[in-house]
Amino acid sequence: MTKRKFLMALMCAAIAVLVSCGGSSENKSAASAAGSTQATQKITMKISHVSAPGSARDLGCKKIEEVVESMTGGAVDGQVYPASQLGGQRDQVEGAQFGTIECVVVPTSYLGGIAPMMTLLDTPFLLPEDPEDLYKLYQSDAVRKLMDTTLEKGIYTMAIWQTGYKAWSANKPLLDPKGMRGLKVRVMNSPILFEQARVLGATGITMDFGETYGALQNKTLDGQENPIDTIYDMKFHEVQTDITFTNHSGLDQVVMFNKAWFDGLSADIQKAIGEGVKQGGRVCLEQTLALAKKDKELILATGKTALHELNDAQKGAWRAATAPVQEFARAKMGAEGAALYDGIVAARKAITGK
């Protein structure tokens, strides 16, 4: 090779190196820009429930939205969807499982098909009668173990919110559990609730929550169970003459997240969500208690529906009548279910002394 050709080859190589370096720099800049865009892109967190706007549950969800957006500086865009806007309760549970909805707040009863252990909380007279004692129970290790049974289904259950103790509505007083015999009552899809209806001599019928009013109105159903604020929100008192406060169990809500979505969040965003759920739970409890008193007064003011409280003897009769359901619940889920049930009973006794 001549000296001239050697110099030309050397120059070409240098030019190639410079072009290569320039391309690498451009690529790095593009990657950096893309990373920056991704880092500043808002994270959407849909929060879904079936209750009415302005209900205790809805206000609790709005508190999650408020706290998370504030603590993350707006990096998370919380969007509350009340009143079954994203589907019925079963649709919402599946949405949390498969990731189409980031967060759902639904009753434990609707987990029967996915995480049946959670329906242990449907057991009559299992939970403490005092709301503050129940709040403590829901913070216990025993309930944490129960909530963790949803993990294998792709759902992270962060907390349980109180939304009131159940009453029975019907077209007659139900001061004596024998009054349940022969009634057709709406139940959620929980094996324990079906057993409760059977033990009481009633027929349990599952239907979508939004269809319950019409079924009560046309006598397809004779009664249903729900906390008083839910009964008022759904206007069941318009088509039922009597409400009996048996307080036999709660309609408490599980706050669930799609596990893969939650696990993919940064630690600071996870912390913000945890704080939002905690504060939302307190709002939900306080509003539930306030609305229960207010809604009783509003229902009585209509003059169409009678409200009935149980005395000690009547409460005892209801406890005795539903005792077989407790035995059923403990045995239904096998050895794991029995251990979880016993753990909840032990935690309750540690809190309440009974």
Foldseek 3Di string as FASTA:
>chain_A
DDPVVVVVVVVVVVVVVVVVVVVVVVVVVVVVVVVVCVVQAAAEAEEEEQFDPPALLNQLLVLLQVLLCVLVVNSYHYHYDYNQPVHFPLSVVVCQLVVVHFKYKFFLLSCCVPQQLSCLQVQFPLADPDPVLNVVLFVDPLVVVSQCSNVVSQKRFQTKAFQAFKKKFFQDDPLFLLVLAAFEEEDRNHPLRCVQSVLSNHHYDYDTPLCVLVCLQVVVGGMYMAQLLRCVSSVSLVRTAEIERLSGGTRMITIMGRNVVLVPDDPSSNVSSSVSSVVSRVSSVVSSVVSSVVSVVVSVVVVRHYYHYHDPVSNVNVCVSSVVSNVCQLPVPHPVSVVSSVSSSVSSCVSPVD
